[in-house]
């Protein structure tokens, strides 16, 4: 249920806001990968979660661009 609420929230955002969230998520993914490489990351499942969120954001951006 948490995922469906997140997707609903993303669908309500405009494209510019989604682009900002995408950039922030990609930065977070970079930092998580860096921490993982230096053995400082405790929750490795977070990498998978962030990757999926990036894909969700990109999908919604594509949907909105096709609607316009």
N, C-alpha and C. Protein backbone atom coordinates (compact mmCIF):
# COMPACT_ATOMS: atom_id res chain seq x y z
N UNK A 1 0.82 -1.20 0.00
CA UNK A 1 0.00 0.00 0.00
C UNK A 1 0.87 1.26 0.00
N UNK A 2 2.02 1.19 0.62
CA UNK A 2 2.88 2.36 0.67
C UNK A 2 3.33 2.76 -0.74
N UNK A 3 3.59 1.77 -1.57
CA UNK A 3 4.04 2.04 -2.94
C UNK A 3 2.94 2.71 -3.75
N UNK A 4 1.71 2.23 -3.62
CA UNK A 4 0.61 2.81 -4.40
C UNK A 4 0.36 4.25 -4.00
N UNK A 5 0.51 4.57 -2.72
CA UNK A 5 0.37 5.96 -2.28
C UNK A 5 1.48 6.83 -2.85
N UNK A 6 2.69 6.29 -2.90
CA UNK A 6 3.82 7.02 -3.47
C UNK A 6 3.59 7.31 -4.94
N UNK A 7 3.06 6.33 -5.66
CA UNK A 7 2.79 6.51 -7.09
C UNK A 7 1.69 7.54 -7.30
N UNK A 8 0.67 7.52 -6.47
CA UNK A 8 -0.41 8.51 -6.57
C UNK A 8 0.14 9.92 -6.35
N UNK A 9 1.02 10.04 -5.37
CA UNK A 9 1.63 11.35 -5.11
C UNK A 9 2.47 11.82 -6.30
N UNK A 10 3.18 10.89 -6.92
CA UNK A 10 4.00 11.26 -8.08
C UNK A 10 3.13 11.70 -9.24
N UNK A 11 2.01 11.05 -9.44
CA UNK A 11 1.13 11.40 -10.56
C UNK A 11 0.53 12.80 -10.40
N UNK A 12 0.43 13.28 -9.18
CA UNK A 12 -0.13 14.61 -8.93
C UNK A 12 0.89 15.72 -9.16
N UNK A 13 2.18 15.37 -9.21
CA UNK A 13 3.24 16.36 -9.40
C UNK A 13 3.32 16.78 -10.86
N UNK A 14 3.90 17.97 -11.08
CA UNK A 14 4.14 18.40 -12.46
C UNK A 14 5.51 17.88 -12.92
N UNK A 15 5.79 18.02 -14.19
CA UNK A 15 7.00 17.43 -14.77
C UNK A 15 8.27 18.06 -14.18
N UNK A 16 8.25 19.36 -13.95
CA UNK A 16 9.43 20.03 -13.40
C UNK A 16 9.77 19.48 -12.01
N UNK A 17 8.75 19.29 -11.20
CA UNK A 17 8.95 18.74 -9.86
C UNK A 17 9.46 17.30 -9.93
N UNK A 18 8.93 16.54 -10.88
CA UNK A 18 9.38 15.16 -11.06
C UNK A 18 10.84 15.12 -11.49
N UNK A 19 11.25 16.07 -12.34
CA UNK A 19 12.65 16.13 -12.78
C UNK A 19 13.57 16.39 -11.59
N UNK A 20 13.13 17.29 -10.69
CA UNK A 20 13.93 17.59 -9.49
C UNK A 20 14.05 16.36 -8.60
N UNK A 21 12.94 15.63 -8.44
CA UNK A 21 12.97 14.42 -7.63
C UNK A 21 13.86 13.36 -8.26
N UNK A 22 13.87 13.31 -9.58
CA UNK A 22 14.71 12.35 -10.29
C UNK A 22 16.19 12.64 -10.05
N UNK A 23 16.56 13.90 -10.13
CA UNK A 23 17.95 14.29 -9.89
C UNK A 23 18.35 13.95 -8.45
N UNK A 24 17.46 14.24 -7.51
CA UNK A 24 17.76 13.95 -6.10
C UNK A 24 17.91 12.45 -5.87
N UNK A 25 17.06 11.66 -6.50
CA UNK A 25 17.14 10.21 -6.34
C UNK A 25 18.41 9.65 -6.95
N UNK A 26 18.83 10.20 -8.08
CA UNK A 26 20.07 9.73 -8.70
C UNK A 26 21.28 10.09 -7.85
N UNK A 27 21.25 11.26 -7.21
CA UNK A 27 22.34 11.63 -6.31
C UNK A 27 22.38 10.69 -5.10
N UNK A 28 21.19 10.37 -4.58
CA UNK A 28 21.12 9.46 -3.44
C UNK A 28 21.66 8.08 -3.83
N UNK A 29 21.31 7.62 -5.02
CA UNK A 29 21.80 6.32 -5.49
C UNK A 29 23.32 6.33 -5.61
N UNK A 30 23.88 7.41 -6.13
CA UNK A 30 25.33 7.52 -6.23
C UNK A 30 25.97 7.43 -4.85
N UNK A 31 25.41 8.16 -3.89
CA UNK A 31 25.97 8.15 -2.54
C UNK A 31 25.85 6.77 -1.90
N UNK A 32 24.72 6.10 -2.13
CA UNK A 32 24.55 4.76 -1.58
C UNK A 32 25.55 3.79 -2.18
N UNK A 33 25.78 3.88 -3.48
CA UNK A 33 26.76 3.00 -4.13
C UNK A 33 28.17 3.27 -3.61
N UNK A 34 28.46 4.53 -3.39
CA UNK A 34 29.77 4.90 -2.86
C UNK A 34 29.95 4.33 -1.46
N UNK A 35 28.92 4.48 -0.61
CA UNK A 35 28.99 3.93 0.74
C UNK A 35 29.12 2.42 0.72
N UNK A 36 28.43 1.78 -0.22
CA UNK A 36 28.51 0.33 -0.33
C UNK A 36 29.91 -0.12 -0.73
N UNK A 37 30.52 0.63 -1.62
CA UNK A 37 31.87 0.27 -2.08
C UNK A 37 32.90 0.42 -0.97
N UNK A 38 32.66 1.35 -0.05
CA UNK A 38 33.61 1.57 1.05
C UNK A 38 33.18 0.85 2.33
N UNK A 39 32.20 -0.05 2.19
CA UNK A 39 31.70 -0.85 3.32
C UNK A 39 31.16 -0.01 4.47
N UNK A 40 30.53 1.10 4.15
CA UNK A 40 29.93 1.94 5.17
C UNK A 40 28.40 1.84 5.16
N UNK A 41 27.83 1.10 4.23
CA UNK A 41 26.39 1.03 4.08
C UNK A 41 25.84 -0.14 4.91
N UNK A 42 24.89 0.18 5.79
CA UNK A 42 24.29 -0.85 6.63
C UNK A 42 23.10 -1.51 5.94
N UNK A 43 22.23 -0.69 5.32
CA UNK A 43 21.01 -1.20 4.71
C UNK A 43 21.19 -1.26 3.19
N UNK A 44 21.66 -2.39 2.70
CA UNK A 44 21.91 -2.52 1.26
C UNK A 44 20.61 -2.60 0.46
N UNK A 45 19.51 -2.91 1.10
CA UNK A 45 18.21 -2.96 0.41
C UNK A 45 17.76 -1.60 -0.06
N UNK A 46 18.31 -0.57 0.51
CA UNK A 46 17.94 0.81 0.13
C UNK A 46 18.34 1.09 -1.33
N UNK A 47 19.43 0.49 -1.79
CA UNK A 47 19.87 0.68 -3.18
C UNK A 47 18.77 0.21 -4.14
N UNK A 48 18.24 -0.97 -3.88
CA UNK A 48 17.18 -1.53 -4.73
C UNK A 48 15.94 -0.65 -4.70
N UNK A 49 15.60 -0.16 -3.52
CA UNK A 49 14.42 0.69 -3.37
C UNK A 49 14.57 2.00 -4.16
N UNK A 50 15.73 2.62 -4.08
CA UNK A 50 15.98 3.88 -4.79
C UNK A 50 15.97 3.65 -6.30
N UNK A 51 16.55 2.53 -6.75
CA UNK A 51 16.54 2.23 -8.19
C UNK A 51 15.11 2.09 -8.70
N UNK A 52 14.26 1.43 -7.93
CA UNK A 52 12.86 1.27 -8.34
C UNK A 52 12.13 2.60 -8.34
N UNK A 53 12.44 3.46 -7.37
CA UNK A 53 11.81 4.78 -7.33
C UNK A 53 12.23 5.61 -8.54
N UNK A 54 13.48 5.50 -8.95
CA UNK A 54 13.95 6.21 -10.14
C UNK A 54 13.17 5.74 -11.36
N UNK A 55 12.98 4.45 -11.47
CA UNK A 55 12.23 3.90 -12.60
C UNK A 55 10.78 4.38 -12.57
N UNK A 56 10.19 4.44 -11.39
CA UNK A 56 8.80 4.92 -11.27
C UNK A 56 8.69 6.38 -11.72
N UNK A 57 9.63 7.20 -11.27
CA UNK A 57 9.61 8.61 -11.63
C UNK A 57 9.77 8.77 -13.14
N UNK A 58 10.71 8.03 -13.72
CA UNK A 58 10.93 8.12 -15.17
C UNK A 58 9.71 7.66 -15.94
N UNK A 59 9.03 6.64 -15.46
CA UNK A 59 7.83 6.15 -16.13
C UNK A 59 6.73 7.20 -16.14
N UNK A 60 6.53 7.86 -15.02
CA UNK A 60 5.48 8.87 -14.92
C UNK A 60 5.83 10.08 -15.78
N UNK A 61 7.12 10.46 -15.83
CA UNK A 61 7.54 11.57 -16.70
C UNK A 61 7.22 11.22 -18.15
N UNK A 62 7.51 9.98 -18.55
CA UNK A 62 7.23 9.55 -19.92
C UNK A 62 5.73 9.58 -20.20
N UNK A 63 4.92 9.11 -19.26
CA UNK A 63 3.47 9.12 -19.43
C UNK A 63 2.96 10.55 -19.61
N UNK A 64 3.46 11.46 -18.79
CA UNK A 64 2.99 12.85 -18.88
C UNK A 64 3.44 13.50 -20.19
N UNK A 65 4.62 13.15 -20.67
CA UNK A 65 5.09 13.75 -21.93
C UNK A 65 4.28 13.21 -23.12
N UNK A 66 3.84 11.99 -23.04
CA UNK A 66 3.03 11.42 -24.12
C UNK A 66 1.61 11.99 -24.12
N UNK A 67 1.12 12.39 -22.96
CA UNK A 67 -0.21 12.99 -22.87
C UNK A 67 -0.24 14.36 -23.50
N UNK A 68 0.85 15.10 -23.38
CA UNK A 68 0.90 16.47 -23.88
C UNK A 68 1.02 16.54 -25.39
